[in-house]
Amino acid sequence: MIASDYLAESEPRRLALLVGNARYGHLSPLPGVVIDIDLMQAQLLALDFEVTRCNDIASVAQFEDDVLPAFRKQIQAGDLVVFYFSGHGFAHGANQYLALTDTDLRIDARRLADVAIAVDSLQGYLSRPLPGLLLLVLDACRGIGGFEIEGGPRSELLLKGASPERASGAARVNLLSALASRSGMPAIASDDVGDAARASLFTTELVAQLGLDDREFGAMFNDVSARVREASDEQQQPGLIDWSDTDLYLRVPPALRGQQKEAWQVALSSRSRRLVQRFAYRFSISRHAAAARAWLAEHLHQGLPAASAARAMGDPAPKPAALDGLRSALLSSEGSEHGEGLLLELIAPPLPGGLPELLHRAVVEAALSQLHERHLHISSVSLATAPSRDSDQAELREARLQHAIYVLEQAGIDRRAVTMTQAAVGDGVRFRFIGQRR
């Protein structure tokens, strides 16, 4: 691919598999499941998902041989994939299972995998095509009266919580699991509130909030949980298990799209495999994720780029007040009128209210404009970031440093004229512009 191809934008596909088990042979029926599926299907279609719907799956063989393979064939790398289940569920030991319509009231623990859907196995199976993000929504745990598992650890009925350990098959995929109720607490089903079939409390509140606005999924889910807790008088509390490096927006704010685009351009211009890989993890369902994956595939054996660096020789730390924002002071060059000297020093903070990988570029652009208006020529720029023992903070500061270089290049300053060092500058990037009057 040529460089311009990496700037092409591609919207990830959205796929959903909805499974609703209402008519159980040996367990209590759940008439509201059909309404759950209807509501979820309508909402996901409105959010541009391609929806596959299956009702009353009787056996593991039917699910594993027919339903799952047909759906997984549709999944491509980078897709946003949703699996939704409404029906009975249970836990055995540390594992969570979804009950099929032929599930009996008594199960031999040695045959669990043959009579119920293991959630961990489901995660691993749907993760193999490497979707950009896999979201499991499990509205299960419907109160299986008299249910018993023989020959193993005691099964906890009405249990919604999944194992805290991530399924090994899903280790390379961003995974979210939205659960209708926490461990040991019931999930209120349609038949808990009278004879008339209606949607479950969890699905009703989730559908009401899903895609309502441009909130991130986790923030939206907090509102769902609060509403369910209030409506159930604290009997039910939904939970979200987050094994994801990316943020899920079902309606992406325009400002965020612009920030993601700039973050991709920064990673691409850095020519750093590490930064491109980080972008692919952090923004796996953005319009630029496919380009990031293509770049990584075509640069498999590339090492990290060499970076010019200047040693910090007694650099004074800025005053504490300066660490929270801009310190922009025009400094007079020492020596003759045409001698080299420090023209301007400032600290550009992270972008307020935006992606933490980006700087507040308006601060840098204002400084460059100020230098231009005073007819000062920039011959070199020294950049500094603070060292950090925290790997996440170190990666973010490196990303902001690359954003600083990108902004300078956009202003016509060659990256070969930029040096980098470390100093006590907080979370921002310190700029020192060196040059002379024209």
Protein backbone atom coordinates (compact mmCIF):
# COMPACT_ATOMS: atom_id res chain seq x y z
CA MET A 1 0.00 0.00 0.00
CA ILE A 2 1.13 3.55 -0.66
CA ALA A 3 1.07 6.13 2.13
CA SER A 4 -2.21 7.68 1.02
CA ASP A 5 -3.94 4.29 1.25
CA TYR A 6 -3.36 4.27 5.00
CA LEU A 7 -5.44 7.44 5.27
CA ALA A 8 -8.51 5.77 3.75
CA GLU A 9 -11.38 5.46 6.24
CA SER A 10 -13.47 2.32 6.64
CA GLU A 11 -16.44 1.96 8.98
CA PRO A 12 -16.31 -1.40 10.84
CA ARG A 13 -19.27 -3.66 10.18
CA ARG A 14 -21.75 -4.30 12.99
CA LEU A 15 -23.03 -7.84 13.49
CA ALA A 16 -25.34 -9.24 16.18
CA LEU A 17 -26.52 -12.71 17.12
CA LEU A 18 -29.64 -12.76 19.32
CA VAL A 19 -30.66 -15.96 21.09
CA GLY A 20 -33.92 -16.18 23.02
CA ASN A 21 -34.96 -19.33 24.87
CA ALA A 22 -38.53 -19.07 26.13
CA ARG A 23 -40.15 -22.50 25.80
CA TYR A 24 -38.27 -24.83 28.15
CA GLY A 25 -39.23 -28.48 28.40
CA HIS A 26 -38.17 -29.07 32.01
CA LEU A 27 -37.59 -25.56 33.38
CA SER A 28 -40.06 -22.74 33.97
CA PRO A 29 -41.19 -20.99 30.75
CA LEU A 30 -40.18 -17.39 30.08
CA PRO A 31 -42.86 -15.84 27.86
CA GLY A 32 -41.28 -12.39 27.97
CA VAL A 33 -38.13 -13.60 26.20
CA VAL A 34 -39.79 -13.14 22.81
CA ILE A 35 -40.46 -9.51 23.69
CA ASP A 36 -36.86 -9.13 24.89
CA ILE A 37 -35.59 -10.31 21.52
CA ASP A 38 -38.06 -8.13 19.60
CA LEU A 39 -36.95 -5.01 21.49
CA MET A 40 -33.24 -5.75 21.15
CA GLN A 41 -33.53 -6.57 17.47
CA ALA A 42 -35.37 -3.34 16.67
CA GLN A 43 -32.83 -1.24 18.59
CA LEU A 44 -29.78 -2.89 17.02
CA LEU A 45 -31.24 -2.55 13.52
CA ALA A 46 -31.69 1.16 14.22
CA LEU A 47 -27.98 1.26 15.13
CA ASP A 48 -26.99 -0.26 11.76
CA PHE A 49 -26.35 -3.81 12.95
CA GLU A 50 -26.89 -6.83 10.74
CA VAL A 51 -28.98 -9.03 13.04
CA THR A 52 -29.23 -12.83 13.15
CA ARG A 53 -32.02 -14.09 15.40
CA CYS A 54 -32.55 -17.58 16.82
CA ASN A 55 -35.37 -18.70 19.10
CA ASP A 56 -35.62 -21.72 21.39
CA ILE A 57 -32.36 -23.54 20.74
CA ALA A 58 -32.87 -27.04 22.10
CA SER A 59 -29.40 -28.53 22.30
CA VAL A 60 -25.69 -27.80 22.38
CA ALA A 61 -25.36 -29.75 19.14
CA GLN A 62 -27.84 -27.44 17.39
CA PHE A 63 -26.07 -24.36 18.73
CA GLU A 64 -22.51 -25.50 18.00
CA ASP A 65 -23.15 -27.25 14.67
CA ASP A 66 -25.69 -24.92 13.08
CA VAL A 67 -26.14 -21.54 14.76
CA LEU A 68 -22.60 -20.57 15.76
CA PRO A 69 -20.71 -21.65 12.60
CA ALA A 70 -23.18 -19.84 10.34
CA PHE A 71 -22.80 -16.65 12.35
CA ARG A 72 -19.03 -16.84 12.75
CA LYS A 73 -18.58 -17.16 8.98
CA GLN A 74 -19.90 -13.60 8.72
CA ILE A 75 -17.34 -12.14 11.15
CA GLN A 76 -14.27 -10.41 9.74
CA ALA A 77 -11.29 -8.88 11.51
CA GLY A 78 -12.21 -5.54 13.07
CA ASP A 79 -16.00 -6.04 13.15
CA LEU A 80 -18.09 -4.91 16.10
CA VAL A 81 -19.87 -8.09 17.26
CA VAL A 82 -22.73 -8.40 19.76
CA PHE A 83 -24.06 -11.64 21.25
CA TYR A 84 -27.31 -11.27 23.21
CA PHE A 85 -28.97 -14.05 25.20
CA SER A 86 -32.29 -14.03 27.03
CA GLY A 87 -33.26 -17.15 28.93
CA HIS A 88 -32.26 -19.28 31.92
CA GLY A 89 -28.66 -19.34 33.11
CA PHE A 90 -26.65 -20.80 35.94
CA ALA A 91 -23.13 -21.02 37.33
CA HIS A 92 -21.09 -24.04 38.31
CA GLY A 93 -17.89 -23.38 40.20
CA ALA A 94 -16.19 -20.45 38.48
CA ASN A 95 -17.95 -21.00 35.16
CA GLN A 96 -21.17 -19.56 33.78
CA TYR A 97 -23.60 -21.43 31.53
CA LEU A 98 -26.65 -20.62 29.42
CA ALA A 99 -29.49 -23.12 29.57
CA LEU A 100 -30.94 -24.60 26.39
CA THR A 101 -34.59 -25.55 26.05
CA ASP A 102 -33.93 -29.27 26.61
CA THR A 103 -31.88 -28.64 29.78
CA ASP A 104 -33.08 -30.94 32.56
CA LEU A 105 -33.62 -30.08 36.22
CA ARG A 106 -30.81 -32.46 37.14
CA ILE A 107 -27.48 -32.43 35.33
CA ASP A 108 -24.38 -34.57 35.74
CA ALA A 109 -21.45 -32.19 36.26
CA ARG A 110 -19.35 -34.32 33.91
CA ARG A 111 -21.79 -33.60 31.06
CA LEU A 112 -22.19 -29.85 31.51
CA ALA A 113 -20.50 -29.04 28.21
CA ASP A 114 -22.96 -31.34 26.44
CA VAL A 115 -26.15 -29.85 27.87
CA ALA A 116 -25.49 -26.10 28.30
CA ILE A 117 -23.55 -23.28 26.61
CA ALA A 118 -20.30 -22.46 28.42
CA VAL A 119 -19.86 -18.69 28.27
CA ASP A 120 -16.04 -18.88 28.26
CA SER A 121 -16.10 -21.27 25.30
CA LEU A 122 -18.54 -18.99 23.49
CA GLN A 123 -16.21 -16.02 24.00
CA GLY A 124 -13.26 -17.95 22.63
CA TYR A 125 -15.19 -19.21 19.60
CA LEU A 126 -16.48 -15.79 18.56
CA SER A 127 -13.06 -14.23 19.17
CA ARG A 128 -11.16 -16.38 16.66
CA PRO A 129 -11.92 -14.18 13.62
CA LEU A 130 -10.44 -11.28 15.67
CA PRO A 131 -13.38 -8.85 15.79
CA GLY A 132 -12.52 -5.32 16.82
CA LEU A 133 -14.73 -5.70 19.88
CA LEU A 134 -16.98 -8.48 21.18
CA LEU A 135 -19.89 -7.45 23.41
CA LEU A 136 -21.79 -10.17 25.29
CA VAL A 137 -25.14 -9.14 26.75
CA LEU A 138 -26.52 -11.88 28.99
CA ASP A 139 -30.03 -11.45 30.36
CA ALA A 140 -30.09 -14.83 32.04
CA CYS A 141 -30.45 -16.14 35.60
CA ARG A 142 -34.21 -16.53 35.61
CA GLY A 143 -34.70 -18.54 38.79
CA ILE A 144 -34.50 -22.26 38.05
CA GLY A 145 -36.58 -23.82 40.78
CA GLY A 146 -35.37 -27.28 41.84
CA PHE A 147 -32.33 -27.14 39.56
CA GLU A 148 -29.44 -29.38 40.63
CA ILE A 149 -25.99 -30.33 39.34
CA GLU A 150 -24.75 -33.67 40.57
CA GLY A 151 -21.15 -34.71 41.10
CA GLY A 152 -19.22 -31.47 41.51
CA PRO A 153 -19.10 -28.07 43.24
CA ARG A 154 -22.48 -26.73 44.27
CA SER A 155 -24.19 -24.69 41.56
CA GLU A 156 -25.27 -21.20 42.56
CA LEU A 157 -28.75 -20.52 41.26
CA LEU A 158 -29.76 -17.09 40.04
CA LEU A 159 -26.09 -16.32 39.48
CA LYS A 160 -25.16 -13.79 36.83
CA GLY A 161 -21.49 -13.16 37.55
CA ALA A 162 -18.90 -14.64 35.20
CA SER A 163 -15.43 -15.83 36.06
CA PRO A 164 -13.07 -12.89 36.66
CA GLU A 165 -10.50 -14.59 34.46
CA ARG A 166 -10.60 -13.81 30.79
CA ALA A 167 -11.08 -16.72 28.43
CA SER A 168 -7.74 -17.59 26.86
CA GLY A 169 -9.27 -17.80 23.39
CA ALA A 170 -10.33 -14.17 23.66
CA ALA A 171 -6.97 -12.85 24.85
CA ARG A 172 -6.31 -10.84 21.67
CA VAL A 173 -9.79 -9.37 21.38
CA ASN A 174 -11.45 -6.45 23.18
CA LEU A 175 -14.24 -7.98 25.24
CA LEU A 176 -17.16 -6.52 27.20
CA SER A 177 -19.67 -8.63 29.13
CA ALA A 178 -22.88 -6.91 30.23
CA LEU A 179 -24.64 -8.98 32.88
CA ALA A 180 -28.22 -8.59 34.08
CA SER A 181 -27.39 -9.24 37.74
CA ARG A 182 -24.44 -9.65 40.05
CA SER A 183 -23.43 -12.97 41.55
CA GLY A 184 -25.99 -14.41 43.96
CA MET A 185 -28.75 -11.94 43.08
CA PRO A 186 -31.83 -12.58 40.92
CA ALA A 187 -32.66 -11.12 37.54
CA ILE A 188 -36.31 -10.10 37.33
CA ALA A 189 -38.00 -11.96 34.49
CA SER A 190 -41.28 -11.22 32.77
CA ASP A 191 -43.14 -13.94 34.62
CA ASP A 192 -42.05 -12.44 37.96
CA VAL A 193 -44.46 -9.52 37.57
CA GLY A 194 -47.78 -11.06 36.61
CA ASP A 195 -49.47 -13.20 34.00
CA ALA A 196 -49.08 -10.83 31.04
CA ALA A 197 -45.85 -11.39 29.13
CA ARG A 198 -43.55 -8.40 29.09
CA ALA A 199 -39.87 -7.70 28.61
CA SER A 200 -37.47 -8.28 31.48
CA LEU A 201 -36.48 -5.33 33.64
CA PHE A 202 -32.85 -5.42 32.48
CA THR A 203 -33.58 -5.57 28.75
CA THR A 204 -36.26 -2.88 29.06
CA GLU A 205 -33.84 -0.44 30.68
CA LEU A 206 -30.94 -1.41 28.41
CA VAL A 207 -32.91 -0.90 25.21
CA ALA A 208 -34.19 2.46 26.51
CA GLN A 209 -30.59 3.70 26.93
CA LEU A 210 -28.84 1.85 24.09
CA GLY A 211 -27.85 4.36 21.44
CA LEU A 212 -29.97 7.07 23.07
CA ASP A 213 -27.09 9.53 22.75
CA ASP A 214 -23.35 9.60 22.13
CA ARG A 215 -22.24 8.41 25.58
CA GLU A 216 -19.56 5.75 25.90
CA PHE A 217 -21.08 2.31 26.58
CA GLY A 218 -19.71 2.04 30.12
CA ALA A 219 -21.17 5.40 31.13
CA MET A 220 -24.50 4.45 29.57
CA PHE A 221 -24.47 1.08 31.37
CA ASN A 222 -24.01 2.82 34.72
CA ASP A 223 -27.36 4.52 34.15
CA VAL A 224 -28.94 1.19 33.22
CA SER A 225 -27.63 -0.38 36.42
CA ALA A 226 -28.89 2.50 38.56
CA ARG A 227 -32.37 2.34 37.01
CA VAL A 228 -32.60 -1.44 37.48
CA ARG A 229 -31.45 -1.22 41.09
CA GLU A 230 -34.06 1.45 41.81
CA ALA A 231 -36.89 -0.36 40.03
CA SER A 232 -36.07 -3.68 41.74
CA ASP A 233 -35.64 -2.14 45.19
CA GLU A 234 -32.00 -3.30 45.24
CA GLN A 235 -32.88 -6.91 44.41
CA GLN A 236 -31.05 -6.76 41.08
CA GLN A 237 -27.84 -4.98 40.12
CA PRO A 238 -26.46 -5.34 36.59
CA GLY A 239 -22.70 -5.35 36.06
CA LEU A 240 -20.18 -4.79 33.30
CA ILE A 241 -16.98 -6.83 32.98
CA ASP A 242 -14.47 -4.88 30.90
CA TRP A 243 -11.55 -6.66 29.23
CA SER A 244 -11.24 -4.01 26.56
CA ASP A 245 -8.58 -1.48 25.59
CA THR A 246 -11.01 0.44 23.41
CA ASP A 247 -14.06 2.58 24.15
CA LEU A 248 -17.41 1.55 22.69
CA TYR A 249 -19.57 4.30 21.23
CA LEU A 250 -22.69 3.14 19.39
CA ARG A 251 -23.16 6.74 18.26
CA VAL A 252 -19.70 8.27 17.80
CA PRO A 253 -19.50 12.01 18.62
CA PRO A 254 -18.19 14.06 15.65
CA ALA A 255 -15.47 15.63 17.82
CA LEU A 256 -14.22 12.18 18.80
CA ARG A 257 -14.07 11.10 15.16
CA GLY A 258 -11.81 14.07 14.45
CA GLN A 259 -9.58 13.24 17.41
CA GLN A 260 -9.31 9.59 16.35
CA LYS A 261 -8.32 10.69 12.86
CA GLU A 262 -5.59 12.94 14.22
CA ALA A 263 -4.37 10.21 16.59
CA TRP A 264 -4.07 7.86 13.60
CA GLN A 265 -2.18 10.44 11.54
CA VAL A 266 0.22 10.92 14.46
CA ALA A 267 0.83 7.17 14.82
CA LEU A 268 1.27 6.77 11.07
CA SER A 269 3.70 9.68 10.77
CA SER A 270 5.78 8.30 13.67
CA ARG A 271 6.58 5.16 11.62
CA SER A 272 6.73 3.38 14.97
CA ARG A 273 5.33 -0.13 15.04
CA ARG A 274 4.73 0.23 18.77
CA LEU A 275 2.59 3.34 18.36
CA VAL A 276 0.65 1.92 15.42
CA GLN A 277 0.01 -1.27 17.40
CA ARG A 278 -1.17 0.78 20.35
CA PHE A 279 -3.56 2.67 18.08
CA ALA A 280 -4.90 -0.64 16.74
CA TYR A 281 -5.61 -1.77 20.30
CA ARG A 282 -7.04 1.52 21.59
CA PHE A 283 -9.21 2.34 18.58
CA SER A 284 -10.03 -1.12 17.26
CA ILE A 285 -13.50 -0.13 16.03
CA SER A 286 -12.62 3.28 14.62
CA ARG A 287 -12.68 4.17 10.93
CA HIS A 288 -8.88 3.94 10.90
CA ALA A 289 -8.48 0.52 12.52
CA ALA A 290 -8.39 -1.33 9.19
CA ALA A 291 -5.59 0.94 7.95
CA ALA A 292 -3.65 0.33 11.18
CA ARG A 293 -3.99 -3.45 10.78
CA ALA A 294 -2.87 -3.19 7.15
CA TRP A 295 0.17 -1.12 8.13
CA LEU A 296 1.13 -3.65 10.80
CA ALA A 297 0.76 -6.54 8.37
CA GLU A 298 3.06 -4.85 5.87
CA HIS A 299 5.66 -3.89 8.48
CA LEU A 300 5.98 -7.17 10.35
CA HIS A 301 9.75 -7.06 10.74
CA GLN A 302 10.20 -3.37 11.32
CA GLY A 303 12.02 -2.33 14.46
CA LEU A 304 11.35 0.83 16.37
CA PRO A 305 12.54 4.04 14.68
CA ALA A 306 15.67 5.71 15.93
CA ALA A 307 14.88 8.92 17.75
CA SER A 308 17.24 11.81 18.22
CA ALA A 309 17.57 12.71 21.85
CA ALA A 310 19.26 15.46 23.81
CA ARG A 311 20.47 14.89 27.33
CA ALA A 312 18.89 17.01 30.01
CA MET A 313 21.80 19.03 31.36
CA GLY A 314 20.52 20.62 34.53
CA ASP A 315 17.16 21.62 33.07
CA PRO A 316 15.30 23.49 35.78
CA ALA A 317 11.87 22.10 36.61
CA PRO A 318 9.03 24.51 35.87
CA LYS A 319 7.04 26.00 38.69
CA PRO A 320 4.20 23.75 39.94
CA ALA A 321 1.54 26.13 38.66
CA ALA A 322 2.93 25.73 35.17
CA LEU A 323 2.39 21.99 35.14
CA ASP A 324 -1.38 22.39 34.84
CA GLY A 325 -1.31 24.48 31.72
CA LEU A 326 0.66 26.70 29.43
CA ARG A 327 3.76 28.63 30.41
CA SER A 328 4.41 30.83 27.41
CA ALA A 329 7.12 33.42 27.92
CA LEU A 330 8.93 35.06 25.05
CA LEU A 331 12.62 35.09 25.93
CA SER A 332 15.22 37.48 24.54
CA SER A 333 18.12 35.87 22.72
CA GLU A 334 21.44 36.42 24.37
CA GLY A 335 24.39 37.77 22.44
CA SER A 336 24.15 39.57 19.16
CA GLU A 337 20.93 40.37 17.35
CA HIS A 338 21.52 37.47 14.98
CA GLY A 339 22.83 34.98 17.55
CA GLU A 340 21.12 31.69 18.31
CA GLY A 341 19.14 31.58 21.51
CA LEU A 342 16.04 30.40 23.30
CA LEU A 343 13.06 32.10 21.69
CA LEU A 344 10.12 30.61 23.55
CA GLU A 345 9.37 27.99 26.16
CA LEU A 346 5.97 26.52 26.95
CA ILE A 347 4.29 23.44 28.32
CA ALA A 348 1.43 22.11 26.19
CA PRO A 349 -1.06 20.13 28.34
CA PRO A 350 -3.09 17.09 27.23
CA LEU A 351 -6.18 17.93 25.18
CA PRO A 352 -8.86 19.02 27.70
CA GLY A 353 -11.84 16.66 27.61
CA GLY A 354 -10.39 14.77 24.64
CA LEU A 355 -8.31 11.71 23.86
CA PRO A 356 -5.45 11.46 26.38
CA GLU A 357 -3.08 10.56 23.53
CA LEU A 358 -3.35 14.10 22.13
CA LEU A 359 -1.91 17.44 23.18
CA HIS A 360 -3.80 20.70 23.30
CA ARG A 361 -2.45 21.61 19.87
CA ALA A 362 -4.05 25.08 19.91
CA VAL A 363 -1.50 26.05 22.56
CA VAL A 364 1.38 25.09 20.27
CA GLU A 365 -0.18 26.72 17.22
CA ALA A 366 -0.66 29.98 19.14
CA ALA A 367 3.02 29.94 20.13
CA LEU A 368 4.13 29.30 16.55
CA SER A 369 1.95 32.16 15.37
CA GLN A 370 3.49 34.42 18.00
CA LEU A 371 7.01 33.58 16.84
CA HIS A 372 6.07 34.17 13.22
CA GLU A 373 4.55 37.57 13.99
CA ARG A 374 7.80 38.63 15.68
CA HIS A 375 9.83 37.49 12.68
CA LEU A 376 11.74 34.91 14.69
CA HIS A 377 13.28 31.98 12.81
CA ILE A 378 13.12 28.54 14.44
CA SER A 379 16.23 26.48 13.80
CA SER A 380 15.49 23.64 16.24
CA VAL A 381 13.00 22.53 18.87
CA SER A 382 13.72 20.64 22.09
CA LEU A 383 10.85 18.57 23.46
CA ALA A 384 10.67 17.11 26.95
CA THR A 385 8.31 14.73 28.71
CA ALA A 386 8.35 13.49 32.28
CA PRO A 387 9.64 9.98 32.97
CA SER A 388 7.18 7.50 34.46
CA ARG A 389 7.48 4.06 36.01
CA ASP A 390 3.86 3.38 35.13
CA SER A 391 3.77 1.73 31.70
CA ASP A 392 0.37 3.16 30.79
CA GLN A 393 1.44 6.70 31.67
CA ALA A 394 4.71 6.23 29.80
CA GLU A 395 2.83 5.14 26.66
CA LEU A 396 0.48 8.11 26.87
CA ARG A 397 3.37 10.53 27.25
CA GLU A 398 5.13 8.95 24.29
CA ALA A 399 1.95 9.35 22.25
CA ARG A 400 1.74 13.05 23.21
CA LEU A 401 5.39 13.47 22.30
CA GLN A 402 4.71 12.05 18.84
CA HIS A 403 1.70 14.34 18.55
CA ALA A 404 4.00 17.27 19.32
CA ILE A 405 6.33 16.23 16.49
CA TYR A 406 3.34 15.82 14.17
CA VAL A 407 2.08 19.35 14.97
CA LEU A 408 5.55 20.77 14.33
CA GLU A 409 5.77 18.96 11.00
CA GLN A 410 2.38 20.33 10.05
CA ALA A 411 3.85 23.79 10.70
CA GLY A 412 6.77 23.10 8.36
CA ILE A 413 9.42 22.16 10.92
CA ASP A 414 11.49 19.13 9.88
CA ARG A 415 11.48 16.36 12.48
CA ARG A 416 15.26 16.15 12.06
CA ALA A 417 15.41 19.55 13.78
CA VAL A 418 13.59 18.16 16.81
CA THR A 419 15.36 16.67 19.81
CA MET A 420 13.81 14.89 22.76
CA THR A 421 14.71 14.61 26.41
CA GLN A 422 13.10 14.06 29.81
CA ALA A 423 12.32 16.61 32.49
CA ALA A 424 9.83 17.19 35.31
CA VAL A 425 7.02 18.64 33.19
CA GLY A 426 3.96 16.75 34.44
CA ASP A 427 1.64 15.18 31.88
CA GLY A 428 2.29 17.77 29.18
CA VAL A 429 5.12 18.26 26.71
CA ARG A 430 7.63 21.06 27.15
CA PHE A 431 8.60 22.93 23.99
CA ARG A 432 11.79 24.98 23.74
CA PHE A 433 12.07 26.84 20.45
CA ILE A 434 15.66 27.72 19.50
CA GLY A 435 16.50 30.24 16.77
CA GLN A 436 17.19 33.85 15.87
CA ARG A 437 15.67 36.95 14.35
CA ARG A 438 15.42 36.96 10.58
